[in-house]
Amino acid sequence: MRGEFETGLTVNVVHADDAQKKAIATLAMLAQTPGNEVQDAWETKTGVLNGRGVRIRKTEKGSDPLVMVVLAIANSKTNALYLLIFESPEARWKKAWEKGERITKLFVLDDEY
């Protein structure tokens, strides 16, 4: 399983011409992907950091269901887009989310980047 994990956090940072629109488009694409079921959605705002989050249940033929919390946060000052994805197999989600929730709620982003 080189380069793979079952439970963990992935962080991607990119600069985009309009990070806010890119954040919305990214979450919309995930919501419309076959096998993905949006279970919850919310918005967040802290200063120049505007974001949205979704919890998705992902099913694929031949694989156990996966639960993902995806945060797409745009920095309106620098046009940086932060994508944070915490995922775990559904069978272990409750225990994994005890740590994942802390990670996704307590992380700090530099609003100058």
C-alpha atoms as a PDB file:
ATOM      1  CA  MET A   1       0.000   0.000   0.000  1.00  0.00           C
ATOM      2  CA  ARG A   2       2.674   2.466  -0.940  1.00  0.00           C
ATOM      3  CA  GLY A   3       1.358   6.032  -0.955  1.00  0.00           C
ATOM      4  CA  GLU A   4      -2.087   5.027   0.301  1.00  0.00           C
ATOM      5  CA  PHE A   5      -3.862   5.296   3.630  1.00  0.00           C
ATOM      6  CA  GLU A   6      -7.270   4.335   4.957  1.00  0.00           C
ATOM      7  CA  THR A   7      -7.749   7.121   7.512  1.00  0.00           C
ATOM      8  CA  GLY A   8      -6.083  10.490   7.291  1.00  0.00           C
ATOM      9  CA  LEU A   9      -5.954  14.090   6.179  1.00  0.00           C
ATOM     10  CA  THR A  10      -4.924  15.402   2.790  1.00  0.00           C
ATOM     11  CA  VAL A  11      -4.152  19.115   2.352  1.00  0.00           C
ATOM     12  CA  ASN A  12      -3.836  20.807  -1.041  1.00  0.00           C
ATOM     13  CA  VAL A  13      -3.081  24.495  -1.579  1.00  0.00           C
ATOM     14  CA  VAL A  14      -3.312  26.189  -4.969  1.00  0.00           C
ATOM     15  CA  HIS A  15      -3.566  29.737  -6.212  1.00  0.00           C
ATOM     16  CA  ALA A  16      -6.513  30.383  -8.523  1.00  0.00           C
ATOM     17  CA  ASP A  17      -7.832  33.418 -10.360  1.00  0.00           C
ATOM     18  CA  ASP A  18     -11.008  33.276  -8.276  1.00  0.00           C
ATOM     19  CA  ALA A  19     -10.419  30.951  -5.342  1.00  0.00           C
ATOM     20  CA  GLN A  20     -13.967  31.372  -3.995  1.00  0.00           C
ATOM     21  CA  LYS A  21     -15.560  30.215  -7.270  1.00  0.00           C
ATOM     22  CA  LYS A  22     -13.036  27.372  -7.520  1.00  0.00           C
ATOM     23  CA  ALA A  23     -13.925  26.249  -3.965  1.00  0.00           C
ATOM     24  CA  ILE A  24     -17.633  26.161  -4.799  1.00  0.00           C
ATOM     25  CA  ALA A  25     -17.008  24.364  -8.108  1.00  0.00           C
ATOM     26  CA  THR A  26     -14.783  21.753  -6.437  1.00  0.00           C
ATOM     27  CA  LEU A  27     -17.417  20.873  -3.844  1.00  0.00           C
ATOM     28  CA  ALA A  28     -20.151  20.822  -6.494  1.00  0.00           C
ATOM     29  CA  MET A  29     -18.085  18.397  -8.585  1.00  0.00           C
ATOM     30  CA  LEU A  30     -17.613  16.114  -5.568  1.00  0.00           C
ATOM     31  CA  ALA A  31     -21.335  16.258  -4.781  1.00  0.00           C
ATOM     32  CA  GLN A  32     -22.217  15.256  -8.344  1.00  0.00           C
ATOM     33  CA  THR A  33     -19.692  12.426  -8.649  1.00  0.00           C
ATOM     34  CA  PRO A  34     -21.485   9.078  -9.066  1.00  0.00           C
ATOM     35  CA  GLY A  35     -21.385   7.100  -5.826  1.00  0.00           C
ATOM     36  CA  ASN A  36     -21.021  10.217  -3.658  1.00  0.00           C
ATOM     37  CA  GLU A  37     -23.876  11.123  -1.305  1.00  0.00           C
ATOM     38  CA  VAL A  38     -23.728  14.489   0.469  1.00  0.00           C
ATOM     39  CA  GLN A  39     -24.768  13.953   4.089  1.00  0.00           C
ATOM     40  CA  ASP A  40     -24.152  17.454   5.440  1.00  0.00           C
ATOM     41  CA  ALA A  41     -23.003  20.872   4.188  1.00  0.00           C
ATOM     42  CA  TRP A  42     -22.080  24.129   5.906  1.00  0.00           C
ATOM     43  CA  GLU A  43     -20.339  27.480   5.450  1.00  0.00           C
ATOM     44  CA  THR A  44     -17.521  29.023   7.474  1.00  0.00           C
ATOM     45  CA  LYS A  45     -15.907  32.483   7.542  1.00  0.00           C
ATOM     46  CA  THR A  46     -12.963  33.910   9.442  1.00  0.00           C
ATOM     47  CA  GLY A  47     -11.666  37.251   8.216  1.00  0.00           C
ATOM     48  CA  VAL A  48     -10.517  36.876   4.589  1.00  0.00           C
ATOM     49  CA  LEU A  49     -10.946  33.071   4.753  1.00  0.00           C
ATOM     50  CA  ASN A  50     -14.322  32.010   3.363  1.00  0.00           C
ATOM     51  CA  GLY A  51     -15.147  28.356   3.127  1.00  0.00           C
ATOM     52  CA  ARG A  52     -17.633  25.607   2.699  1.00  0.00           C
ATOM     53  CA  GLY A  53     -17.603  22.096   3.977  1.00  0.00           C
ATOM     54  CA  VAL A  54     -19.344  18.867   3.090  1.00  0.00           C
ATOM     55  CA  ARG A  55     -19.524  15.388   4.543  1.00  0.00           C
ATOM     56  CA  ILE A  56     -19.790  12.792   1.810  1.00  0.00           C
ATOM     57  CA  ARG A  57     -20.447   9.058   1.889  1.00  0.00           C
ATOM     58  CA  LYS A  58     -18.592   7.523  -1.042  1.00  0.00           C
ATOM     59  CA  THR A  59     -19.440   4.100  -2.433  1.00  0.00           C
ATOM     60  CA  GLU A  60     -17.588   2.270  -5.181  1.00  0.00           C
ATOM     61  CA  LYS A  61     -18.263  -1.197  -6.494  1.00  0.00           C
ATOM     62  CA  GLY A  62     -15.919  -3.668  -4.824  1.00  0.00           C
ATOM     63  CA  SER A  63     -14.907  -1.308  -1.995  1.00  0.00           C
ATOM     64  CA  ASP A  64     -16.233  -0.625   1.474  1.00  0.00           C
ATOM     65  CA  PRO A  65     -18.005   2.735   1.875  1.00  0.00           C
ATOM     66  CA  LEU A  66     -15.819   5.699   2.747  1.00  0.00           C
ATOM     67  CA  VAL A  67     -16.778   8.874   4.614  1.00  0.00           C
ATOM     68  CA  MET A  68     -15.051  12.152   3.784  1.00  0.00           C
ATOM     69  CA  VAL A  69     -15.230  15.634   5.242  1.00  0.00           C
ATOM     70  CA  VAL A  70     -14.027  18.103   2.648  1.00  0.00           C
ATOM     71  CA  LEU A  71     -13.290  21.746   3.459  1.00  0.00           C
ATOM     72  CA  ALA A  72     -12.732  24.178   0.600  1.00  0.00           C
ATOM     73  CA  ILE A  73     -11.471  27.485   1.960  1.00  0.00           C
ATOM     74  CA  ALA A  74     -10.668  30.522  -0.173  1.00  0.00           C
ATOM     75  CA  ASN A  75      -8.452  33.408   0.853  1.00  0.00           C
ATOM     76  CA  SER A  76     -10.092  36.448  -0.760  1.00  0.00           C
ATOM     77  CA  LYS A  77      -6.946  38.558  -0.284  1.00  0.00           C
ATOM     78  CA  THR A  78      -4.396  36.209  -1.893  1.00  0.00           C
ATOM     79  CA  ASN A  79      -6.650  33.925  -4.008  1.00  0.00           C
ATOM     80  CA  ALA A  80      -5.228  30.838  -2.325  1.00  0.00           C
ATOM     81  CA  LEU A  81      -7.539  27.831  -2.218  1.00  0.00           C
ATOM     82  CA  TYR A  82      -7.099  25.342   0.611  1.00  0.00           C
ATOM     83  CA  LEU A  83      -8.639  21.889   0.228  1.00  0.00           C
ATOM     84  CA  LEU A  84      -8.648  19.743   3.341  1.00  0.00           C
ATOM     85  CA  ILE A  85      -9.974  16.200   3.052  1.00  0.00           C
ATOM     86  CA  PHE A  86     -10.329  13.962   6.091  1.00  0.00           C
ATOM     87  CA  GLU A  87     -11.411  10.441   5.215  1.00  0.00           C
ATOM     88  CA  SER A  88     -11.914   7.064   6.797  1.00  0.00           C
ATOM     89  CA  PRO A  89     -13.763   3.829   6.028  1.00  0.00           C
ATOM     90  CA  GLU A  90     -17.370   4.106   7.167  1.00  0.00           C
ATOM     91  CA  ALA A  91     -16.944   1.116   9.499  1.00  0.00           C
ATOM     92  CA  ARG A  92     -14.347   3.108  11.505  1.00  0.00           C
ATOM     93  CA  TRP A  93     -15.725   6.597  10.952  1.00  0.00           C
ATOM     94  CA  LYS A  94     -17.081   7.268  14.445  1.00  0.00           C
ATOM     95  CA  LYS A  95     -13.743   6.573  16.147  1.00  0.00           C
ATOM     96  CA  ALA A  96     -11.691   8.243  13.400  1.00  0.00           C
ATOM     97  CA  TRP A  97     -13.867  11.370  13.482  1.00  0.00           C
ATOM     98  CA  GLU A  98     -13.061  11.875  17.174  1.00  0.00           C
ATOM     99  CA  LYS A  99      -9.578  12.931  15.994  1.00  0.00           C
ATOM    100  CA  GLY A 100     -10.590  14.214  12.577  1.00  0.00           C
ATOM    101  CA  GLU A 101     -13.070  16.680  14.008  1.00  0.00           C
ATOM    102  CA  ARG A 102     -10.382  18.192  16.231  1.00  0.00           C
ATOM    103  CA  ILE A 103      -7.979  18.396  13.305  1.00  0.00           C
ATOM    104  CA  THR A 104     -10.463  20.095  10.986  1.00  0.00           C
ATOM    105  CA  LYS A 105     -11.727  22.530  13.623  1.00  0.00           C
ATOM    106  CA  LEU A 106      -8.402  23.514  15.214  1.00  0.00           C
ATOM    107  CA  PHE A 107      -6.122  23.908  12.186  1.00  0.00           C
ATOM    108  CA  VAL A 108      -4.737  27.395  11.520  1.00  0.00           C
ATOM    109  CA  LEU A 109      -4.159  28.965   8.111  1.00  0.00           C
ATOM    110  CA  ASP A 110      -1.904  31.939   7.421  1.00  0.00           C
ATOM    111  CA  ASP A 111      -4.152  34.543   5.811  1.00  0.00           C
ATOM    112  CA  GLU A 112      -1.082  36.189   4.235  1.00  0.00           C
ATOM    113  CA  TYR A 113      -0.421  33.184   1.953  1.00  0.00           C
END
